[in-house]
Amino acid sequence: SCAKVALDFVSPENVCECIRLTEEIRKLPVNHSSAEDNLEVKKMIIHAMLDVVKKLDKERFEETKVLL
């Protein structure tokens, strides 16, 4: 038996380059072997932003609780 572990990570410094690559991939013909968007950088950005918003909401809630 075996297990595969994968982790998608894009450093903040490389987000623009990944988005550029994603746009280039989209211009390929549909039947091209590399036409699939494997980066999914936009999904990673959305999830990262949702995480930031959750953490900010939690911080704001904690601050409000302390002030009361």
PDB file of N, CA and C in Angstrom:
ATOM      1  N   SER A   1       0.842  -1.182   0.000  1.00  0.00           N
ATOM      2  CA  SER A   1       0.000   0.000   0.000  1.00  0.00           C
ATOM      3  C   SER A   1       0.885   1.243   0.000  1.00  0.00           C
ATOM      4  N   CYS A   2       0.283   2.350  -0.381  1.00  0.00           N
ATOM      5  CA  CYS A   2       1.031   3.610  -0.405  1.00  0.00           C
ATOM      6  C   CYS A   2       0.084   4.771  -0.151  1.00  0.00           C
ATOM      7  N   ALA A   3       0.660   5.890   0.140  1.00  0.00           N
ATOM      8  CA  ALA A   3      -0.120   7.104   0.372  1.00  0.00           C
ATOM      9  C   ALA A   3       0.552   8.253  -0.367  1.00  0.00           C
ATOM     10  N   LYS A   4      -0.260   9.117  -0.916  1.00  0.00           N
ATOM     11  CA  LYS A   4       0.262  10.303  -1.589  1.00  0.00           C
ATOM     12  C   LYS A   4      -0.154  11.530  -0.785  1.00  0.00           C
ATOM     13  N   VAL A   5       0.801  12.369  -0.526  1.00  0.00           N
ATOM     14  CA  VAL A   5       0.531  13.604   0.203  1.00  0.00           C
ATOM     15  C   VAL A   5       0.927  14.760  -0.701  1.00  0.00           C
ATOM     16  N   ALA A   6       0.020  15.706  -0.861  1.00  0.00           N
ATOM     17  CA  ALA A   6       0.302  16.868  -1.704  1.00  0.00           C
ATOM     18  C   ALA A   6      -0.074  18.133  -0.948  1.00  0.00           C
ATOM     19  N   LEU A   7       0.685  19.170  -1.175  1.00  0.00           N
ATOM     20  CA  LEU A   7       0.417  20.450  -0.541  1.00  0.00           C
ATOM     21  C   LEU A   7       0.563  21.537  -1.585  1.00  0.00           C
ATOM     22  N   ASP A   8      -0.478  22.322  -1.772  1.00  0.00           N
ATOM     23  CA  ASP A   8      -0.415  23.450  -2.693  1.00  0.00           C
ATOM     24  C   ASP A   8       0.004  24.677  -1.895  1.00  0.00           C
ATOM     25  N   PHE A   9       1.086  25.282  -2.312  1.00  0.00           N
ATOM     26  CA  PHE A   9       1.576  26.470  -1.624  1.00  0.00           C
ATOM     27  C   PHE A   9       2.108  27.450  -2.660  1.00  0.00           C
ATOM     28  N   VAL A  10       1.698  28.685  -2.523  1.00  0.00           N
ATOM     29  CA  VAL A  10       2.238  29.752  -3.354  1.00  0.00           C
ATOM     30  C   VAL A  10       2.656  30.866  -2.402  1.00  0.00           C
ATOM     31  N   SER A  11       3.906  31.251  -2.478  1.00  0.00           N
ATOM     32  CA  SER A  11       4.362  32.332  -1.612  1.00  0.00           C
ATOM     33  C   SER A  11       3.726  33.640  -2.086  1.00  0.00           C
ATOM     34  N   PRO A  12       3.477  34.551  -1.175  1.00  0.00           N
ATOM     35  CA  PRO A  12       2.857  35.820  -1.556  1.00  0.00           C
ATOM     36  C   PRO A  12       3.634  36.560  -2.651  1.00  0.00           C
ATOM     37  N   GLU A  13       4.945  36.377  -2.667  1.00  0.00           N
ATOM     38  CA  GLU A  13       5.772  37.045  -3.669  1.00  0.00           C
ATOM     39  C   GLU A  13       5.523  36.515  -5.079  1.00  0.00           C
ATOM     40  N   ASN A  14       4.970  35.312  -5.201  1.00  0.00           N
ATOM     41  CA  ASN A  14       4.790  34.680  -6.508  1.00  0.00           C
ATOM     42  C   ASN A  14       3.346  34.594  -6.983  1.00  0.00           C
ATOM     43  N   VAL A  15       2.420  35.202  -6.266  1.00  0.00           N
ATOM     44  CA  VAL A  15       1.017  35.132  -6.650  1.00  0.00           C
ATOM     45  C   VAL A  15       0.789  35.731  -8.038  1.00  0.00           C
ATOM     46  N   CYS A  16       1.376  36.871  -8.315  1.00  0.00           N
ATOM     47  CA  CYS A  16       1.181  37.515  -9.626  1.00  0.00           C
ATOM     48  C   CYS A  16       1.683  36.630 -10.759  1.00  0.00           C
ATOM     49  N   GLU A  17       2.819  36.003 -10.553  1.00  0.00           N
ATOM     50  CA  GLU A  17       3.364  35.105 -11.579  1.00  0.00           C
ATOM     51  C   GLU A  17       2.451  33.901 -11.790  1.00  0.00           C
ATOM     52  N   CYS A  18       1.899  33.364 -10.727  1.00  0.00           N
ATOM     53  CA  CYS A  18       0.983  32.223 -10.849  1.00  0.00           C
ATOM     54  C   CYS A  18      -0.291  32.616 -11.580  1.00  0.00           C
ATOM     55  N   ILE A  19      -0.794  33.803 -11.314  1.00  0.00           N
ATOM     56  CA  ILE A  19      -1.988  34.271 -12.027  1.00  0.00           C
ATOM     57  C   ILE A  19      -1.671  34.449 -13.506  1.00  0.00           C
ATOM     58  N   ARG A  20      -0.496  34.981 -13.805  1.00  0.00           N
ATOM     59  CA  ARG A  20      -0.090  35.139 -15.207  1.00  0.00           C
ATOM     60  C   ARG A  20      -0.007  33.783 -15.902  1.00  0.00           C
ATOM     61  N   LEU A  21       0.572  32.800 -15.233  1.00  0.00           N
ATOM     62  CA  LEU A  21       0.666  31.457 -15.801  1.00  0.00           C
ATOM     63  C   LEU A  21      -0.722  30.847 -16.013  1.00  0.00           C
ATOM     64  N   THR A  22      -1.614  31.068 -15.070  1.00  0.00           N
ATOM     65  CA  THR A  22      -2.981  30.565 -15.201  1.00  0.00           C
ATOM     66  C   THR A  22      -3.656  31.148 -16.435  1.00  0.00           C
ATOM     67  N   GLU A  23      -3.459  32.444 -16.663  1.00  0.00           N
ATOM     68  CA  GLU A  23      -4.044  33.076 -17.850  1.00  0.00           C
ATOM     69  C   GLU A  23      -3.440  32.511 -19.133  1.00  0.00           C
ATOM     70  N   GLU A  24      -2.147  32.216 -19.122  1.00  0.00           N
ATOM     71  CA  GLU A  24      -1.509  31.615 -20.296  1.00  0.00           C
ATOM     72  C   GLU A  24      -2.070  30.220 -20.562  1.00  0.00           C
ATOM     73  N   ILE A  25      -2.262  29.456 -19.493  1.00  0.00           N
ATOM     74  CA  ILE A  25      -2.811  28.100 -19.631  1.00  0.00           C
ATOM     75  C   ILE A  25      -4.202  28.155 -20.246  1.00  0.00           C
ATOM     76  N   ARG A  26      -4.997  29.133 -19.857  1.00  0.00           N
ATOM     77  CA  ARG A  26      -6.372  29.257 -20.385  1.00  0.00           C
ATOM     78  C   ARG A  26      -6.399  29.529 -21.882  1.00  0.00           C
ATOM     79  N   LYS A  27      -5.327  30.088 -22.417  1.00  0.00           N
ATOM     80  CA  LYS A  27      -5.271  30.400 -23.847  1.00  0.00           C
ATOM     81  C   LYS A  27      -4.918  29.185 -24.698  1.00  0.00           C
ATOM     82  N   LEU A  28      -4.507  28.095 -24.062  1.00  0.00           N
ATOM     83  CA  LEU A  28      -4.163  26.888 -24.804  1.00  0.00           C
ATOM     84  C   LEU A  28      -5.419  26.239 -25.378  1.00  0.00           C
ATOM     85  N   PRO A  29      -5.286  25.496 -26.471  1.00  0.00           N
ATOM     86  CA  PRO A  29      -6.451  24.777 -27.013  1.00  0.00           C
ATOM     87  C   PRO A  29      -7.015  23.800 -25.986  1.00  0.00           C
ATOM     88  N   VAL A  30      -8.301  23.557 -26.058  1.00  0.00           N
ATOM     89  CA  VAL A  30      -8.990  22.701 -25.082  1.00  0.00           C
ATOM     90  C   VAL A  30      -8.374  21.305 -25.020  1.00  0.00           C
ATOM     91  N   ASN A  31      -7.966  20.780 -26.162  1.00  0.00           N
ATOM     92  CA  ASN A  31      -7.439  19.419 -26.197  1.00  0.00           C
ATOM     93  C   ASN A  31      -5.938  19.344 -25.892  1.00  0.00           C
ATOM     94  N   HIS A  32      -5.317  20.452 -25.526  1.00  0.00           N
ATOM     95  CA  HIS A  32      -3.890  20.472 -25.194  1.00  0.00           C
ATOM     96  C   HIS A  32      -3.674  19.748 -23.863  1.00  0.00           C
ATOM     97  N   SER A  33      -2.581  19.000 -23.759  1.00  0.00           N
ATOM     98  CA  SER A  33      -2.321  18.209 -22.544  1.00  0.00           C
ATOM     99  C   SER A  33      -2.084  19.080 -21.306  1.00  0.00           C
ATOM    100  N   SER A  34      -1.673  20.313 -21.486  1.00  0.00           N
ATOM    101  CA  SER A  34      -1.410  21.203 -20.345  1.00  0.00           C
ATOM    102  C   SER A  34      -2.533  22.215 -20.114  1.00  0.00           C
ATOM    103  N   ALA A  35      -3.673  22.012 -20.760  1.00  0.00           N
ATOM    104  CA  ALA A  35      -4.753  23.003 -20.687  1.00  0.00           C
ATOM    105  C   ALA A  35      -5.457  23.017 -19.336  1.00  0.00           C
ATOM    106  N   GLU A  36      -5.283  21.994 -18.531  1.00  0.00           N
ATOM    107  CA  GLU A  36      -5.947  21.949 -17.230  1.00  0.00           C
ATOM    108  C   GLU A  36      -5.249  22.897 -16.265  1.00  0.00           C
ATOM    109  N   ASP A  37      -6.032  23.650 -15.524  1.00  0.00           N
ATOM    110  CA  ASP A  37      -5.478  24.594 -14.546  1.00  0.00           C
ATOM    111  C   ASP A  37      -5.122  23.842 -13.272  1.00  0.00           C
ATOM    112  N   ASN A  38      -3.880  23.427 -13.152  1.00  0.00           N
ATOM    113  CA  ASN A  38      -3.436  22.692 -11.973  1.00  0.00           C
ATOM    114  C   ASN A  38      -3.051  23.612 -10.822  1.00  0.00           C
ATOM    115  N   LEU A  39      -2.815  24.863 -11.120  1.00  0.00           N
ATOM    116  CA  LEU A  39      -2.383  25.786 -10.078  1.00  0.00           C
ATOM    117  C   LEU A  39      -3.514  26.146  -9.123  1.00  0.00           C
ATOM    118  N   GLU A  40      -4.685  26.405  -9.653  1.00  0.00           N
ATOM    119  CA  GLU A  40      -5.851  26.824  -8.868  1.00  0.00           C
ATOM    120  C   GLU A  40      -5.496  27.944  -7.895  1.00  0.00           C
ATOM    121  N   VAL A  41      -4.680  28.865  -8.378  1.00  0.00           N
ATOM    122  CA  VAL A  41      -4.192  29.949  -7.519  1.00  0.00           C
ATOM    123  C   VAL A  41      -5.332  30.849  -7.054  1.00  0.00           C
ATOM    124  N   LYS A  42      -6.338  31.041  -7.897  1.00  0.00           N
ATOM    125  CA  LYS A  42      -7.450  31.907  -7.487  1.00  0.00           C
ATOM    126  C   LYS A  42      -8.232  31.291  -6.330  1.00  0.00           C
ATOM    127  N   LYS A  43      -8.382  29.967  -6.329  1.00  0.00           N
ATOM    128  CA  LYS A  43      -9.034  29.298  -5.199  1.00  0.00           C
ATOM    129  C   LYS A  43      -8.207  29.460  -3.934  1.00  0.00           C
ATOM    130  N   MET A  44      -6.891  29.345  -4.077  1.00  0.00           N
ATOM    131  CA  MET A  44      -6.022  29.509  -2.909  1.00  0.00           C
ATOM    132  C   MET A  44      -6.142  30.924  -2.351  1.00  0.00           C
ATOM    133  N   ILE A  45      -6.248  31.922  -3.228  1.00  0.00           N
ATOM    134  CA  ILE A  45      -6.390  33.309  -2.781  1.00  0.00           C
ATOM    135  C   ILE A  45      -7.696  33.489  -2.020  1.00  0.00           C
ATOM    136  N   ILE A  46      -8.773  32.935  -2.559  1.00  0.00           N
ATOM    137  CA  ILE A  46     -10.080  33.045  -1.894  1.00  0.00           C
ATOM    138  C   ILE A  46     -10.030  32.408  -0.514  1.00  0.00           C
ATOM    139  N   HIS A  47      -9.471  31.210  -0.411  1.00  0.00           N
ATOM    140  CA  HIS A  47      -9.400  30.533   0.887  1.00  0.00           C
ATOM    141  C   HIS A  47      -8.503  31.288   1.860  1.00  0.00           C
ATOM    142  N   ALA A  48      -7.416  31.847   1.368  1.00  0.00           N
ATOM    143  CA  ALA A  48      -6.532  32.627   2.233  1.00  0.00           C
ATOM    144  C   ALA A  48      -7.253  33.874   2.752  1.00  0.00           C
ATOM    145  N   MET A  49      -7.993  34.542   1.869  1.00  0.00           N
ATOM    146  CA  MET A  49      -8.724  35.742   2.290  1.00  0.00           C
ATOM    147  C   MET A  49      -9.820  35.397   3.297  1.00  0.00           C
ATOM    148  N   LEU A  50     -10.520  34.277   3.080  1.00  0.00           N
ATOM    149  CA  LEU A  50     -11.537  33.854   4.043  1.00  0.00           C
ATOM    150  C   LEU A  50     -10.913  33.576   5.410  1.00  0.00           C
ATOM    151  N   ASP A  51      -9.737  32.980   5.410  1.00  0.00           N
ATOM    152  CA  ASP A  51      -9.037  32.714   6.662  1.00  0.00           C
ATOM    153  C   ASP A  51      -8.665  34.019   7.363  1.00  0.00           C
ATOM    154  N   VAL A  52      -8.196  34.997   6.601  1.00  0.00           N
ATOM    155  CA  VAL A  52      -7.848  36.301   7.173  1.00  0.00           C
ATOM    156  C   VAL A  52      -9.083  36.960   7.787  1.00  0.00           C
ATOM    157  N   VAL A  53     -10.196  36.931   7.071  1.00  0.00           N
ATOM    158  CA  VAL A  53     -11.429  37.547   7.575  1.00  0.00           C
ATOM    159  C   VAL A  53     -11.881  36.864   8.864  1.00  0.00           C
ATOM    160  N   LYS A  54     -11.818  35.539   8.911  1.00  0.00           N
ATOM    161  CA  LYS A  54     -12.195  34.810  10.133  1.00  0.00           C
ATOM    162  C   LYS A  54     -11.318  35.231  11.303  1.00  0.00           C
ATOM    163  N   LYS A  55     -10.017  35.322  11.057  1.00  0.00           N
ATOM    164  CA  LYS A  55      -9.096  35.694  12.134  1.00  0.00           C
ATOM    165  C   LYS A  55      -9.333  37.128  12.593  1.00  0.00           C
ATOM    166  N   LEU A  56      -9.613  38.024  11.659  1.00  0.00           N
ATOM    167  CA  LEU A  56      -9.896  39.408  12.036  1.00  0.00           C
ATOM    168  C   LEU A  56     -11.198  39.503  12.824  1.00  0.00           C
ATOM    169  N   ASP A  57     -12.213  38.756  12.406  1.00  0.00           N
ATOM    170  CA  ASP A  57     -13.474  38.739  13.149  1.00  0.00           C
ATOM    171  C   ASP A  57     -13.262  38.206  14.558  1.00  0.00           C
ATOM    172  N   LYS A  58     -12.459  37.168  14.684  1.00  0.00           N
ATOM    173  CA  LYS A  58     -12.184  36.589  16.005  1.00  0.00           C
ATOM    174  C   LYS A  58     -11.455  37.603  16.875  1.00  0.00           C
ATOM    175  N   GLU A  59     -10.463  38.303  16.311  1.00  0.00           N
ATOM    176  CA  GLU A  59      -9.738  39.329  17.058  1.00  0.00           C
ATOM    177  C   GLU A  59     -10.665  40.451  17.501  1.00  0.00           C
ATOM    178  N   ARG A  60     -11.533  40.883  16.593  1.00  0.00           N
ATOM    179  CA  ARG A  60     -12.464  41.964  16.927  1.00  0.00           C
ATOM    180  C   ARG A  60     -13.410  41.523  18.041  1.00  0.00           C
ATOM    181  N   PHE A  61     -13.871  40.268  17.970  1.00  0.00           N
ATOM    182  CA  PHE A  61     -14.754  39.738  19.001  1.00  0.00           C
ATOM    183  C   PHE A  61     -14.032  39.700  20.347  1.00  0.00           C
ATOM    184  N   GLU A  62     -12.777  39.228  20.353  1.00  0.00           N
ATOM    185  CA  GLU A  62     -11.990  39.169  21.578  1.00  0.00           C
ATOM    186  C   GLU A  62     -11.779  40.557  22.162  1.00  0.00           C
ATOM    187  N   GLU A  63     -11.479  41.552  21.305  1.00  0.00           N
ATOM    188  CA  GLU A  63     -11.283  42.923  21.779  1.00  0.00           C
ATOM    189  C   GLU A  63     -12.565  43.485  22.376  1.00  0.00           C
ATOM    190  N   THR A  64     -13.688  43.211  21.711  1.00  0.00           N
ATOM    191  CA  THR A  64     -14.983  43.693  22.195  1.00  0.00           C
ATOM    192  C   THR A  64     -15.302  43.060  23.542  1.00  0.00           C
ATOM    193  N   LYS A  65     -14.997  41.771  23.691  1.00  0.00           N
ATOM    194  CA  LYS A  65     -15.256  41.063  24.940  1.00  0.00           C
ATOM    195  C   LYS A  65     -14.419  41.653  26.073  1.00  0.00           C
ATOM    196  N   VAL A  66     -13.182  42.015  25.799  1.00  0.00           N
ATOM    197  CA  VAL A  66     -12.302  42.586  26.811  1.00  0.00           C
ATOM    198  C   VAL A  66     -12.812  43.970  27.232  1.00  0.00           C
ATOM    199  N   LEU A  67     -13.307  44.750  26.274  1.00  0.00           N
ATOM    200  CA  LEU A  67     -13.789  46.096  26.573  1.00  0.00           C
ATOM    201  C   LEU A  67     -15.055  46.062  27.412  1.00  0.00           C
ATOM    202  N   LEU A  68     -15.837  45.017  27.304  1.00  0.00           N
ATOM    203  CA  LEU A  68     -17.068  44.927  28.090  1.00  0.00           C
ATOM    204  C   LEU A  68     -16.710  44.494  29.474  1.00  0.00           C
TER     205      LEU A  68
END
